């Protein structure tokens, strides 16, 4: 049996107290649901991992919240082009329309795509938005037509100031109108894998909910055209 003198006991006592406190802190943290490294950090100690000659202190990082229905846009490297599965995440409906787009229509489609890219939305969102605008306005930025207007609907998406979409001036700005549409779209639970017409209708609440579907191929071809492929590649290459 080893007998410690008083001086030695005075030195060791604070050490024991600190050790007991640390152990207790880790125990309470573990009970609270923290991992062992996080518990050690919470107790003021370091959990270390030796890798060769390097000792790495384990730290905790806040987890990023990712909305499952809004996948991140793919990397925008120069070589990246959308694949078919990026553009069409659900079965494309039958009865697709064809179109020989004008320069105005392509320019508005490009503005819609650019707005989606600025929001870091995936290519599927661009296709839904372009198809929606094709049905609502034929990709034309419609202003006040007096009695010819459908109620007070304006712009590429025929959004209504009286329904809270924005002012008449805002809704005739393609960037604003597209951004407003995208904000509505990403609020729809499951939009990414929905049939296109269902996702569009959830935002637009149209009297003709099935009519968006017929423009999906045209919308996908337009997106491909801006990446230099598909039937609209030659027409799209001069659109800035």
C-alpha atoms as a PDB file:
ATOM      1  CA  UNK A   1       0.000   0.000   0.000  1.00  0.00           C
ATOM      2  CA  UNK A   2       1.346   3.426  -0.978  1.00  0.00           C
ATOM      3  CA  UNK A   3       0.903   6.264   1.505  1.00  0.00           C
ATOM      4  CA  UNK A   4       0.820   9.809   0.126  1.00  0.00           C
ATOM      5  CA  UNK A   5       1.974  12.716   2.196  1.00  0.00           C
ATOM      6  CA  UNK A   6      -0.229  15.781   2.646  1.00  0.00           C
ATOM      7  CA  UNK A   7       1.571  17.861   0.013  1.00  0.00           C
ATOM      8  CA  UNK A   8       1.062  15.197  -2.641  1.00  0.00           C
ATOM      9  CA  UNK A   9      -2.627  14.805  -1.726  1.00  0.00           C
ATOM     10  CA  UNK A  10      -3.112  18.589  -2.058  1.00  0.00           C
ATOM     11  CA  UNK A  11      -1.670  18.472  -5.592  1.00  0.00           C
ATOM     12  CA  UNK A  12      -3.720  15.459  -6.711  1.00  0.00           C
ATOM     13  CA  UNK A  13      -7.073  16.540  -5.250  1.00  0.00           C
ATOM     14  CA  UNK A  14      -7.784  19.370  -7.753  1.00  0.00           C
ATOM     15  CA  UNK A  15      -6.717  17.032 -10.570  1.00  0.00           C
ATOM     16  CA  UNK A  16      -9.211  14.408  -9.408  1.00  0.00           C
ATOM     17  CA  UNK A  17     -11.930  17.021  -9.164  1.00  0.00           C
ATOM     18  CA  UNK A  18     -11.271  18.219 -12.712  1.00  0.00           C
ATOM     19  CA  UNK A  19     -11.190  14.647 -13.999  1.00  0.00           C
ATOM     20  CA  UNK A  20     -14.440  13.776 -12.236  1.00  0.00           C
ATOM     21  CA  UNK A  21     -16.076  16.918 -13.662  1.00  0.00           C
ATOM     22  CA  UNK A  22     -14.934  16.081 -17.162  1.00  0.00           C
ATOM     23  CA  UNK A  23     -16.205  12.508 -16.911  1.00  0.00           C
ATOM     24  CA  UNK A  24     -19.523  13.700 -15.531  1.00  0.00           C
ATOM     25  CA  UNK A  25     -19.826  16.297 -18.294  1.00  0.00           C
ATOM     26  CA  UNK A  26     -19.249  13.661 -20.966  1.00  0.00           C
ATOM     27  CA  UNK A  27     -21.796  11.321 -19.358  1.00  0.00           C
ATOM     28  CA  UNK A  28     -24.498  14.016 -19.287  1.00  0.00           C
ATOM     29  CA  UNK A  29     -23.711  15.022 -22.876  1.00  0.00           C
ATOM     30  CA  UNK A  30     -23.961  11.415 -24.051  1.00  0.00           C
ATOM     31  CA  UNK A  31     -27.310  11.071 -22.268  1.00  0.00           C
ATOM     32  CA  UNK A  32     -28.395  14.233 -24.123  1.00  0.00           C
ATOM     33  CA  UNK A  33     -27.673  12.559 -27.463  1.00  0.00           C
ATOM     34  CA  UNK A  34     -24.240  13.941 -28.409  1.00  0.00           C
ATOM     35  CA  UNK A  35     -21.611  11.777 -30.064  1.00  0.00           C
ATOM     36  CA  UNK A  36     -18.488  10.848 -28.091  1.00  0.00           C
ATOM     37  CA  UNK A  37     -16.315  13.508 -29.812  1.00  0.00           C
ATOM     38  CA  UNK A  38     -19.034  16.120 -29.329  1.00  0.00           C
ATOM     39  CA  UNK A  39     -19.414  15.096 -25.684  1.00  0.00           C
ATOM     40  CA  UNK A  40     -15.692  15.436 -25.146  1.00  0.00           C
ATOM     41  CA  UNK A  41     -15.759  18.874 -26.742  1.00  0.00           C
ATOM     42  CA  UNK A  42     -18.713  19.892 -24.589  1.00  0.00           C
ATOM     43  CA  UNK A  43     -16.806  18.848 -21.479  1.00  0.00           C
ATOM     44  CA  UNK A  44     -13.833  20.997 -22.471  1.00  0.00           C
ATOM     45  CA  UNK A  45     -11.628  18.064 -23.525  1.00  0.00           C
ATOM     46  CA  UNK A  46     -10.315  16.913 -26.947  1.00  0.00           C
ATOM     47  CA  UNK A  47     -11.097  13.606 -28.587  1.00  0.00           C
ATOM     48  CA  UNK A  48      -8.108  12.872 -30.807  1.00  0.00           C
ATOM     49  CA  UNK A  49      -7.352  10.490 -33.627  1.00  0.00           C
ATOM     50  CA  UNK A  50      -3.756   9.610 -34.424  1.00  0.00           C
ATOM     51  CA  UNK A  51      -2.912   9.298 -38.130  1.00  0.00           C
ATOM     52  CA  UNK A  52       0.816   8.517 -38.460  1.00  0.00           C
ATOM     53  CA  UNK A  53       2.655  11.425 -36.905  1.00  0.00           C
ATOM     54  CA  UNK A  54      -0.354  13.726 -37.035  1.00  0.00           C
ATOM     55  CA  UNK A  55      -2.938  14.092 -34.267  1.00  0.00           C
ATOM     56  CA  UNK A  56      -6.232  15.476 -35.484  1.00  0.00           C
ATOM     57  CA  UNK A  57      -8.594  17.000 -32.925  1.00  0.00           C
ATOM     58  CA  UNK A  58     -12.181  15.925 -33.525  1.00  0.00           C
ATOM     59  CA  UNK A  59     -14.595  18.817 -33.808  1.00  0.00           C
ATOM     60  CA  UNK A  60     -18.305  19.116 -34.375  1.00  0.00           C
ATOM     61  CA  UNK A  61     -19.835  20.954 -37.330  1.00  0.00           C
ATOM     62  CA  UNK A  62     -23.378  22.113 -37.837  1.00  0.00           C
ATOM     63  CA  UNK A  63     -25.239  19.917 -40.287  1.00  0.00           C
ATOM     64  CA  UNK A  64     -26.569  21.672 -43.354  1.00  0.00           C
ATOM     65  CA  UNK A  65     -30.317  21.444 -43.827  1.00  0.00           C
ATOM     66  CA  UNK A  66     -31.097  20.244 -47.338  1.00  0.00           C
ATOM     67  CA  UNK A  67     -34.636  20.268 -48.631  1.00  0.00           C
ATOM     68  CA  UNK A  68     -35.133  16.869 -50.237  1.00  0.00           C
ATOM     69  CA  UNK A  69     -37.506  18.240 -52.872  1.00  0.00           C
ATOM     70  CA  UNK A  70     -34.975  20.781 -54.098  1.00  0.00           C
ATOM     71  CA  UNK A  71     -31.855  18.941 -55.246  1.00  0.00           C
ATOM     72  CA  UNK A  72     -28.798  21.097 -55.764  1.00  0.00           C
ATOM     73  CA  UNK A  73     -28.026  22.196 -59.303  1.00  0.00           C
ATOM     74  CA  UNK A  74     -25.282  20.099 -60.884  1.00  0.00           C
ATOM     75  CA  UNK A  75     -21.807  21.563 -61.148  1.00  0.00           C
ATOM     76  CA  UNK A  76     -21.695  24.233 -63.834  1.00  0.00           C
ATOM     77  CA  UNK A  77     -18.318  23.302 -65.286  1.00  0.00           C
ATOM     78  CA  UNK A  78     -17.804  24.120 -68.961  1.00  0.00           C
ATOM     79  CA  UNK A  79     -18.154  20.465 -69.959  1.00  0.00           C
ATOM     80  CA  UNK A  80     -21.436  19.842 -68.126  1.00  0.00           C
ATOM     81  CA  UNK A  81     -24.599  19.422 -70.184  1.00  0.00           C
ATOM     82  CA  UNK A  82     -27.979  18.312 -68.892  1.00  0.00           C
ATOM     83  CA  UNK A  83     -28.780  14.674 -69.548  1.00  0.00           C
ATOM     84  CA  UNK A  84     -32.276  13.428 -70.271  1.00  0.00           C
ATOM     85  CA  UNK A  85     -32.699  12.298 -66.647  1.00  0.00           C
ATOM     86  CA  UNK A  86     -31.875  15.838 -65.478  1.00  0.00           C
ATOM     87  CA  UNK A  87     -34.596  17.350 -67.636  1.00  0.00           C
ATOM     88  CA  UNK A  88     -37.319  14.715 -67.317  1.00  0.00           C
ATOM     89  CA  UNK A  89     -37.575  13.165 -63.872  1.00  0.00           C
ATOM     90  CA  UNK A  90     -41.042  11.727 -64.526  1.00  0.00           C
ATOM     91  CA  UNK A  91     -42.581  10.093 -67.579  1.00  0.00           C
ATOM     92  CA  UNK A  92     -43.201  12.550 -70.428  1.00  0.00           C
ATOM     93  CA  UNK A  93     -46.880  12.622 -71.379  1.00  0.00           C
ATOM     94  CA  UNK A  94     -48.071  11.718 -74.854  1.00  0.00           C
ATOM     95  CA  UNK A  95     -49.332  14.297 -77.338  1.00  0.00           C
ATOM     96  CA  UNK A  96     -46.274  16.525 -77.244  1.00  0.00           C
ATOM     97  CA  UNK A  97     -46.365  19.712 -79.327  1.00  0.00           C
ATOM     98  CA  UNK A  98     -43.731  20.859 -81.799  1.00  0.00           C
ATOM     99  CA  UNK A  99     -42.518  24.434 -82.239  1.00  0.00           C
ATOM    100  CA  UNK A 100     -40.353  26.541 -84.513  1.00  0.00           C
ATOM    101  CA  UNK A 101     -39.455  29.144 -81.875  1.00  0.00           C
ATOM    102  CA  UNK A 102     -38.972  32.813 -82.642  1.00  0.00           C
ATOM    103  CA  UNK A 103     -36.034  34.812 -81.359  1.00  0.00           C
ATOM    104  CA  UNK A 104     -38.362  36.430 -78.804  1.00  0.00           C
ATOM    105  CA  UNK A 105     -39.473  33.061 -77.471  1.00  0.00           C
ATOM    106  CA  UNK A 106     -35.918  31.766 -77.173  1.00  0.00           C
ATOM    107  CA  UNK A 107     -34.777  34.968 -75.452  1.00  0.00           C
ATOM    108  CA  UNK A 108     -37.570  34.626 -72.894  1.00  0.00           C
ATOM    109  CA  UNK A 109     -36.790  30.939 -72.382  1.00  0.00           C
ATOM    110  CA  UNK A 110     -33.162  31.902 -71.768  1.00  0.00           C
ATOM    111  CA  UNK A 111     -34.248  34.539 -69.227  1.00  0.00           C
ATOM    112  CA  UNK A 112     -36.322  31.911 -67.407  1.00  0.00           C
ATOM    113  CA  UNK A 113     -33.422  29.444 -67.383  1.00  0.00           C
ATOM    114  CA  UNK A 114     -30.992  32.124 -66.184  1.00  0.00           C
ATOM    115  CA  UNK A 115     -33.289  33.003 -63.278  1.00  0.00           C
ATOM    116  CA  UNK A 116     -33.378  29.344 -62.233  1.00  0.00           C
ATOM    117  CA  UNK A 117     -29.600  29.089 -62.416  1.00  0.00           C
ATOM    118  CA  UNK A 118     -29.199  32.182 -60.248  1.00  0.00           C
ATOM    119  CA  UNK A 119     -31.356  30.449 -57.636  1.00  0.00           C
ATOM    120  CA  UNK A 120     -29.162  27.311 -57.941  1.00  0.00           C
ATOM    121  CA  UNK A 121     -32.124  25.211 -59.036  1.00  0.00           C
ATOM    122  CA  UNK A 122     -31.678  22.029 -61.071  1.00  0.00           C
ATOM    123  CA  UNK A 123     -32.429  21.677 -64.777  1.00  0.00           C
ATOM    124  CA  UNK A 124     -35.778  20.025 -64.021  1.00  0.00           C
ATOM    125  CA  UNK A 125     -37.022  23.329 -62.611  1.00  0.00           C
ATOM    126  CA  UNK A 126     -36.045  25.193 -65.781  1.00  0.00           C
ATOM    127  CA  UNK A 127     -37.994  22.721 -67.925  1.00  0.00           C
ATOM    128  CA  UNK A 128     -41.104  23.058 -65.753  1.00  0.00           C
ATOM    129  CA  UNK A 129     -40.893  26.853 -65.842  1.00  0.00           C
ATOM    130  CA  UNK A 130     -40.357  27.114 -69.610  1.00  0.00           C
ATOM    131  CA  UNK A 131     -43.187  24.671 -70.338  1.00  0.00           C
ATOM    132  CA  UNK A 132     -45.461  26.625 -67.991  1.00  0.00           C
ATOM    133  CA  UNK A 133     -44.687  29.892 -69.757  1.00  0.00           C
ATOM    134  CA  UNK A 134     -45.284  28.258 -73.152  1.00  0.00           C
ATOM    135  CA  UNK A 135     -48.791  27.324 -72.056  1.00  0.00           C
ATOM    136  CA  UNK A 136     -49.558  30.594 -70.282  1.00  0.00           C
ATOM    137  CA  UNK A 137     -48.207  33.114 -72.799  1.00  0.00           C
ATOM    138  CA  UNK A 138     -46.489  31.259 -75.645  1.00  0.00           C
ATOM    139  CA  UNK A 139     -43.246  32.555 -74.079  1.00  0.00           C
ATOM    140  CA  UNK A 140     -44.276  36.148 -74.763  1.00  0.00           C
ATOM    141  CA  UNK A 141     -44.031  38.921 -72.207  1.00  0.00           C
ATOM    142  CA  UNK A 142     -47.633  40.078 -72.397  1.00  0.00           C
ATOM    143  CA  UNK A 143     -48.441  43.530 -71.098  1.00  0.00           C
ATOM    144  CA  UNK A 144     -51.732  45.291 -70.492  1.00  0.00           C
ATOM    145  CA  UNK A 145     -54.046  44.442 -73.383  1.00  0.00           C
ATOM    146  CA  UNK A 146     -57.098  46.108 -71.891  1.00  0.00           C
ATOM    147  CA  UNK A 147     -60.210  44.013 -72.412  1.00  0.00           C
ATOM    148  CA  UNK A 148     -58.162  41.302 -74.137  1.00  0.00           C
ATOM    149  CA  UNK A 149     -56.356  40.435 -70.914  1.00  0.00           C
ATOM    150  CA  UNK A 150     -57.473  37.441 -68.874  1.00  0.00           C
ATOM    151  CA  UNK A 151     -58.512  39.408 -65.809  1.00  0.00           C
ATOM    152  CA  UNK A 152     -55.351  41.276 -64.743  1.00  0.00           C
ATOM    153  CA  UNK A 153     -52.896  38.541 -65.802  1.00  0.00           C
ATOM    154  CA  UNK A 154     -49.535  39.799 -67.054  1.00  0.00           C
ATOM    155  CA  UNK A 155     -46.131  38.700 -68.257  1.00  0.00           C
ATOM    156  CA  UNK A 156     -44.545  35.383 -69.163  1.00  0.00           C
ATOM    157  CA  UNK A 157     -46.490  33.403 -66.567  1.00  0.00           C
ATOM    158  CA  UNK A 158     -49.739  35.406 -66.668  1.00  0.00           C
ATOM    159  CA  UNK A 159     -49.423  36.172 -62.979  1.00  0.00           C
ATOM    160  CA  UNK A 160     -51.969  38.482 -61.408  1.00  0.00           C
ATOM    161  CA  UNK A 161     -51.169  41.551 -59.296  1.00  0.00           C
ATOM    162  CA  UNK A 162     -54.529  41.114 -57.552  1.00  0.00           C
ATOM    163  CA  UNK A 163     -53.407  37.644 -56.394  1.00  0.00           C
ATOM    164  CA  UNK A 164     -50.276  38.986 -54.747  1.00  0.00           C
ATOM    165  CA  UNK A 165     -47.691  37.989 -57.371  1.00  0.00           C
ATOM    166  CA  UNK A 166     -46.282  41.515 -57.603  1.00  0.00           C
ATOM    167  CA  UNK A 167     -46.907  44.883 -59.206  1.00  0.00           C
ATOM    168  CA  UNK A 168     -47.763  45.151 -62.939  1.00  0.00           C
ATOM    169  CA  UNK A 169     -44.277  46.489 -63.596  1.00  0.00           C
ATOM    170  CA  UNK A 170     -42.616  43.622 -61.716  1.00  0.00           C
ATOM    171  CA  UNK A 171     -44.641  40.925 -63.462  1.00  0.00           C
ATOM    172  CA  UNK A 172     -43.531  42.232 -66.856  1.00  0.00           C
ATOM    173  CA  UNK A 173     -39.886  41.821 -65.852  1.00  0.00           C
ATOM    174  CA  UNK A 174     -38.902  38.273 -66.994  1.00  0.00           C
ATOM    175  CA  UNK A 175     -36.336  37.893 -64.213  1.00  0.00           C
ATOM    176  CA  UNK A 176     -38.824  38.848 -61.511  1.00  0.00           C
ATOM    177  CA  UNK A 177     -41.692  36.798 -62.983  1.00  0.00           C
ATOM    178  CA  UNK A 178     -39.558  33.663 -63.352  1.00  0.00           C
ATOM    179  CA  UNK A 179     -38.146  34.036 -59.843  1.00  0.00           C
ATOM    180  CA  UNK A 180     -41.660  34.383 -58.436  1.00  0.00           C
ATOM    181  CA  UNK A 181     -42.693  31.196 -60.250  1.00  0.00           C
ATOM    182  CA  UNK A 182     -39.667  29.279 -58.961  1.00  0.00           C
ATOM    183  CA  UNK A 183     -40.370  30.377 -55.388  1.00  0.00           C
ATOM    184  CA  UNK A 184     -43.839  28.902 -55.720  1.00  0.00           C
ATOM    185  CA  UNK A 185     -42.485  25.737 -57.317  1.00  0.00           C
ATOM    186  CA  UNK A 186     -39.933  24.882 -54.644  1.00  0.00           C
ATOM    187  CA  UNK A 187     -42.670  25.241 -52.043  1.00  0.00           C
ATOM    188  CA  UNK A 188     -44.546  22.316 -53.613  1.00  0.00           C
ATOM    189  CA  UNK A 189     -43.796  19.113 -51.742  1.00  0.00           C
ATOM    190  CA  UNK A 190     -42.356  16.502 -54.122  1.00  0.00           C
ATOM    191  CA  UNK A 191     -42.205  18.807 -57.157  1.00  0.00           C
ATOM    192  CA  UNK A 192     -38.917  17.395 -58.488  1.00  0.00           C
ATOM    193  CA  UNK A 193     -40.351  13.946 -59.249  1.00  0.00           C
ATOM    194  CA  UNK A 194     -43.899  14.998 -60.135  1.00  0.00           C
ATOM    195  CA  UNK A 195     -45.295  14.820 -63.655  1.00  0.00           C
ATOM    196  CA  UNK A 196     -44.599  18.250 -65.103  1.00  0.00           C
ATOM    197  CA  UNK A 197     -48.230  19.258 -65.447  1.00  0.00           C
ATOM    198  CA  UNK A 198     -48.921  18.474 -61.771  1.00  0.00           C
ATOM    199  CA  UNK A 199     -45.977  20.584 -60.576  1.00  0.00           C
ATOM    200  CA  UNK A 200     -46.957  23.496 -62.821  1.00  0.00           C
ATOM    201  CA  UNK A 201     -50.609  23.327 -61.807  1.00  0.00           C
ATOM    202  CA  UNK A 202     -49.699  23.341 -58.117  1.00  0.00           C
ATOM    203  CA  UNK A 203     -48.177  26.789 -58.672  1.00  0.00           C
ATOM    204  CA  UNK A 204     -50.455  28.277 -61.320  1.00  0.00           C
ATOM    205  CA  UNK A 205     -53.871  26.866 -60.281  1.00  0.00           C
ATOM    206  CA  UNK A 206     -55.115  26.968 -63.879  1.00  0.00           C
ATOM    207  CA  UNK A 207     -58.573  26.189 -65.193  1.00  0.00           C
ATOM    208  CA  UNK A 208     -56.805  23.830 -67.629  1.00  0.00           C
ATOM    209  CA  UNK A 209     -54.447  21.845 -65.391  1.00  0.00           C
ATOM    210  CA  UNK A 210     -53.457  19.216 -67.966  1.00  0.00           C
ATOM    211  CA  UNK A 211     -52.345  21.614 -70.707  1.00  0.00           C
ATOM    212  CA  UNK A 212     -48.825  22.200 -69.385  1.00  0.00           C
ATOM    213  CA  UNK A 213     -47.780  18.627 -70.140  1.00  0.00           C
ATOM    214  CA  UNK A 214     -47.732  19.017 -73.928  1.00  0.00           C
ATOM    215  CA  UNK A 215     -44.855  21.518 -73.825  1.00  0.00           C
ATOM    216  CA  UNK A 216     -42.371  19.387 -71.886  1.00  0.00           C
ATOM    217  CA  UNK A 217     -40.382  18.177 -74.900  1.00  0.00           C
ATOM    218  CA  UNK A 218     -40.169  21.678 -76.385  1.00  0.00           C
ATOM    219  CA  UNK A 219     -38.962  23.025 -73.033  1.00  0.00           C
ATOM    220  CA  UNK A 220     -36.329  20.291 -72.728  1.00  0.00           C
ATOM    221  CA  UNK A 221     -35.159  20.918 -76.298  1.00  0.00           C
ATOM    222  CA  UNK A 222     -34.794  24.630 -75.529  1.00  0.00           C
ATOM    223  CA  UNK A 223     -32.635  23.929 -72.501  1.00  0.00           C
ATOM    224  CA  UNK A 224     -30.508  21.566 -74.569  1.00  0.00           C
ATOM    225  CA  UNK A 225     -30.273  24.200 -77.287  1.00  0.00           C
ATOM    226  CA  UNK A 226     -28.623  26.639 -74.890  1.00  0.00           C
ATOM    227  CA  UNK A 227     -26.038  23.940 -74.204  1.00  0.00           C
ATOM    228  CA  UNK A 228     -25.367  23.470 -77.919  1.00  0.00           C
ATOM    229  CA  UNK A 229     -27.355  20.321 -78.645  1.00  0.00           C
ATOM    230  CA  UNK A 230     -30.753  19.280 -79.943  1.00  0.00           C
ATOM    231  CA  UNK A 231     -33.012  20.785 -82.625  1.00  0.00           C
ATOM    232  CA  UNK A 232     -32.744  24.360 -81.339  1.00  0.00           C
ATOM    233  CA  UNK A 233     -28.942  24.492 -80.998  1.00  0.00           C
ATOM    234  CA  UNK A 234     -28.354  26.687 -84.066  1.00  0.00           C
ATOM    235  CA  UNK A 235     -31.131  29.124 -83.152  1.00  0.00           C
ATOM    236  CA  UNK A 236     -30.152  29.299 -79.475  1.00  0.00           C
ATOM    237  CA  UNK A 237     -26.433  29.908 -79.924  1.00  0.00           C
ATOM    238  CA  UNK A 238     -26.983  33.603 -80.765  1.00  0.00           C
ATOM    239  CA  UNK A 239     -29.287  34.249 -77.789  1.00  0.00           C
ATOM    240  CA  UNK A 240     -27.519  36.130 -75.001  1.00  0.00           C
END
